Amino acid sequence: MVEKRKVPRQPAKNEQVVITDDLIRMMLHDTRFLSQFACMKQAKLQATKKKCNCGGSRMKLNKVNLGKLRRHIANMPAGKKLKLKQLLNAKTVQVKFTKVAGGVAVKRF
């Protein structure tokens, strides 16, 4: 009798992932993103630390300039954008950011 083996399926890709502040904060805690994207690693290093009641210190990510990070993500080279899509398991990624000169722009890649 021949034993059938199941081939593991890859998870289905998300149609579109929208880069939000919460998603950026999640990426700043994930070593996969920090190792691939220098801008995120730099933003995490620049985040201020504060003391909490437990005696330890927690990173205060609210001080991270999230708008600057979104703008950097939108203007990454094509290879980095592809890597971001792979890490997010997405077919397309949408980033809404403010331009340096003013105004709001939306990029999809």
C-alpha atoms as a PDB file:
ATOM      1  CA  MET A   1       0.000   0.000   0.000  1.00  0.00           C
ATOM      2  CA  VAL A   2       1.370   3.391  -1.023  1.00  0.00           C
ATOM      3  CA  GLU A   3       1.242   6.130   1.579  1.00  0.00           C
ATOM      4  CA  LYS A   4       0.165   9.525   0.305  1.00  0.00           C
ATOM      5  CA  ARG A   5       2.014  12.533   1.619  1.00  0.00           C
ATOM      6  CA  LYS A   6       0.407  15.878   1.893  1.00  0.00           C
ATOM      7  CA  VAL A   7       2.320  18.714   0.312  1.00  0.00           C
ATOM      8  CA  PRO A   8       2.327  21.731   2.617  1.00  0.00           C
ATOM      9  CA  ARG A   9       0.423  24.613   1.089  1.00  0.00           C
ATOM     10  CA  GLN A  10       1.727  28.113   1.196  1.00  0.00           C
ATOM     11  CA  PRO A  11      -0.614  30.578   2.868  1.00  0.00           C
ATOM     12  CA  ALA A  12      -2.790  32.580   0.519  1.00  0.00           C
ATOM     13  CA  LYS A  13      -1.511  36.035  -0.288  1.00  0.00           C
ATOM     14  CA  ASN A  14      -3.389  39.075   0.920  1.00  0.00           C
ATOM     15  CA  GLU A  15      -4.783  41.109  -1.965  1.00  0.00           C
ATOM     16  CA  GLN A  16      -3.664  44.453  -0.585  1.00  0.00           C
ATOM     17  CA  VAL A  17      -1.938  45.506   2.615  1.00  0.00           C
ATOM     18  CA  VAL A  18      -2.253  49.123   3.741  1.00  0.00           C
ATOM     19  CA  ILE A  19       0.708  50.485   5.692  1.00  0.00           C
ATOM     20  CA  THR A  20      -0.757  51.994   8.872  1.00  0.00           C
ATOM     21  CA  ASP A  21       0.857  53.369  12.016  1.00  0.00           C
ATOM     22  CA  ASP A  22       0.039  50.153  13.877  1.00  0.00           C
ATOM     23  CA  LEU A  23       1.584  48.028  11.135  1.00  0.00           C
ATOM     24  CA  ILE A  24       4.754  50.145  11.224  1.00  0.00           C
ATOM     25  CA  ARG A  25       4.961  49.726  15.012  1.00  0.00           C
ATOM     26  CA  MET A  26       4.582  45.952  14.542  1.00  0.00           C
ATOM     27  CA  MET A  27       7.353  45.946  11.940  1.00  0.00           C
ATOM     28  CA  LEU A  28       9.633  47.877  14.327  1.00  0.00           C
ATOM     29  CA  HIS A  29       9.346  44.981  16.788  1.00  0.00           C
ATOM     30  CA  ASP A  30       9.966  42.263  14.171  1.00  0.00           C
ATOM     31  CA  THR A  31      13.596  41.299  13.531  1.00  0.00           C
ATOM     32  CA  ARG A  32      12.808  40.209   9.960  1.00  0.00           C
ATOM     33  CA  PHE A  33      11.937  43.792   9.017  1.00  0.00           C
ATOM     34  CA  LEU A  34      14.727  45.346  11.070  1.00  0.00           C
ATOM     35  CA  SER A  35      17.364  43.184   9.396  1.00  0.00           C
ATOM     36  CA  GLN A  36      16.118  43.988   5.867  1.00  0.00           C
ATOM     37  CA  PHE A  37      15.340  47.695   6.120  1.00  0.00           C
ATOM     38  CA  ALA A  38      17.914  50.098   7.519  1.00  0.00           C
ATOM     39  CA  CYS A  39      15.371  52.911   7.852  1.00  0.00           C
ATOM     40  CA  MET A  40      13.347  50.888  10.363  1.00  0.00           C
ATOM     41  CA  LYS A  41      16.408  49.907  12.331  1.00  0.00           C
ATOM     42  CA  GLN A  42      17.472  53.559  12.496  1.00  0.00           C
ATOM     43  CA  ALA A  43      13.974  54.664  13.576  1.00  0.00           C
ATOM     44  CA  LYS A  44      13.952  52.111  16.365  1.00  0.00           C
ATOM     45  CA  LEU A  45      17.339  53.315  17.585  1.00  0.00           C
ATOM     46  CA  GLN A  46      16.148  56.921  17.582  1.00  0.00           C
ATOM     47  CA  ALA A  47      13.009  56.125  19.595  1.00  0.00           C
ATOM     48  CA  THR A  48      13.243  57.476  23.097  1.00  0.00           C
ATOM     49  CA  LYS A  49      13.194  55.264  26.132  1.00  0.00           C
ATOM     50  CA  LYS A  50      11.100  55.925  29.197  1.00  0.00           C
ATOM     51  CA  LYS A  51      10.883  54.296  32.584  1.00  0.00           C
ATOM     52  CA  CYS A  52       7.729  52.429  33.434  1.00  0.00           C
ATOM     53  CA  ASN A  53       6.371  51.495  36.857  1.00  0.00           C
ATOM     54  CA  CYS A  54       7.836  47.999  36.680  1.00  0.00           C
ATOM     55  CA  GLY A  55      11.390  49.331  36.968  1.00  0.00           C
ATOM     56  CA  GLY A  56      12.386  48.405  33.423  1.00  0.00           C
ATOM     57  CA  SER A  57      12.439  50.573  30.374  1.00  0.00           C
ATOM     58  CA  ARG A  58      10.110  50.458  27.410  1.00  0.00           C
ATOM     59  CA  MET A  59      10.586  51.886  23.994  1.00  0.00           C
ATOM     60  CA  LYS A  60       8.305  54.786  23.336  1.00  0.00           C
ATOM     61  CA  LEU A  61       7.529  54.264  19.668  1.00  0.00           C
ATOM     62  CA  ASN A  62       5.006  57.089  19.599  1.00  0.00           C
ATOM     63  CA  LYS A  63       7.941  59.467  19.227  1.00  0.00           C
ATOM     64  CA  VAL A  64       9.055  57.766  16.029  1.00  0.00           C
ATOM     65  CA  ASN A  65       8.357  59.948  13.024  1.00  0.00           C
ATOM     66  CA  LEU A  66       5.872  57.596  11.375  1.00  0.00           C
ATOM     67  CA  GLY A  67       5.231  59.960   8.485  1.00  0.00           C
ATOM     68  CA  LYS A  68       8.915  59.978   7.604  1.00  0.00           C
ATOM     69  CA  LEU A  69       8.976  56.173   7.691  1.00  0.00           C
ATOM     70  CA  ARG A  70       5.915  55.936   5.416  1.00  0.00           C
ATOM     71  CA  ARG A  71       7.554  58.354   2.968  1.00  0.00           C
ATOM     72  CA  HIS A  72      10.745  56.290   3.022  1.00  0.00           C
ATOM     73  CA  ILE A  73       8.805  53.053   2.410  1.00  0.00           C
ATOM     74  CA  ALA A  74       7.018  54.645  -0.564  1.00  0.00           C
ATOM     75  CA  ASN A  75      10.324  55.745  -2.118  1.00  0.00           C
ATOM     76  CA  MET A  76      12.324  52.528  -1.598  1.00  0.00           C
ATOM     77  CA  PRO A  77      14.023  50.856  -4.591  1.00  0.00           C
ATOM     78  CA  ALA A  78      12.076  48.153  -6.424  1.00  0.00           C
ATOM     79  CA  GLY A  79      14.073  45.299  -4.856  1.00  0.00           C
ATOM     80  CA  LYS A  80      13.298  46.480  -1.328  1.00  0.00           C
ATOM     81  CA  LYS A  81       9.614  46.923  -2.196  1.00  0.00           C
ATOM     82  CA  LEU A  82       9.500  43.346  -3.459  1.00  0.00           C
ATOM     83  CA  LYS A  83      11.097  42.116  -0.224  1.00  0.00           C
ATOM     84  CA  LEU A  84       8.549  44.094   1.804  1.00  0.00           C
ATOM     85  CA  LYS A  85       5.692  42.518  -0.158  1.00  0.00           C
ATOM     86  CA  GLN A  86       7.151  39.064   0.508  1.00  0.00           C
ATOM     87  CA  LEU A  87       7.498  39.711   4.250  1.00  0.00           C
ATOM     88  CA  LEU A  88       3.941  41.061   4.444  1.00  0.00           C
ATOM     89  CA  ASN A  89       2.641  38.210   2.248  1.00  0.00           C
ATOM     90  CA  ALA A  90       0.859  40.710   0.005  1.00  0.00           C
ATOM     91  CA  LYS A  91       0.163  41.070  -3.684  1.00  0.00           C
ATOM     92  CA  THR A  92       0.099  44.855  -3.436  1.00  0.00           C
ATOM     93  CA  VAL A  93       1.052  47.358  -0.752  1.00  0.00           C
ATOM     94  CA  GLN A  94      -0.514  50.793  -0.326  1.00  0.00           C
ATOM     95  CA  VAL A  95       1.273  53.638   1.452  1.00  0.00           C
ATOM     96  CA  LYS A  96      -0.320  56.992   2.223  1.00  0.00           C
ATOM     97  CA  PHE A  97       2.207  59.683   3.149  1.00  0.00           C
ATOM     98  CA  THR A  98       2.742  63.429   3.233  1.00  0.00           C
ATOM     99  CA  LYS A  99       5.057  64.958   0.686  1.00  0.00           C
ATOM    100  CA  VAL A 100       7.988  67.079   1.784  1.00  0.00           C
ATOM    101  CA  ALA A 101       6.605  70.030  -0.198  1.00  0.00           C
ATOM    102  CA  GLY A 102       3.146  69.527   1.330  1.00  0.00           C
ATOM    103  CA  GLY A 103       0.090  67.566   0.347  1.00  0.00           C
ATOM    104  CA  VAL A 104      -0.777  63.897   0.629  1.00  0.00           C
ATOM    105  CA  ALA A 105       0.200  61.157  -1.808  1.00  0.00           C
ATOM    106  CA  VAL A 106      -0.786  57.505  -2.122  1.00  0.00           C
ATOM    107  CA  LYS A 107       1.504  54.913  -3.699  1.00  0.00           C
ATOM    108  CA  ARG A 108       0.672  51.339  -4.576  1.00  0.00           C
ATOM    109  CA  PHE A 109       3.284  48.811  -5.565  1.00  0.00           C
END
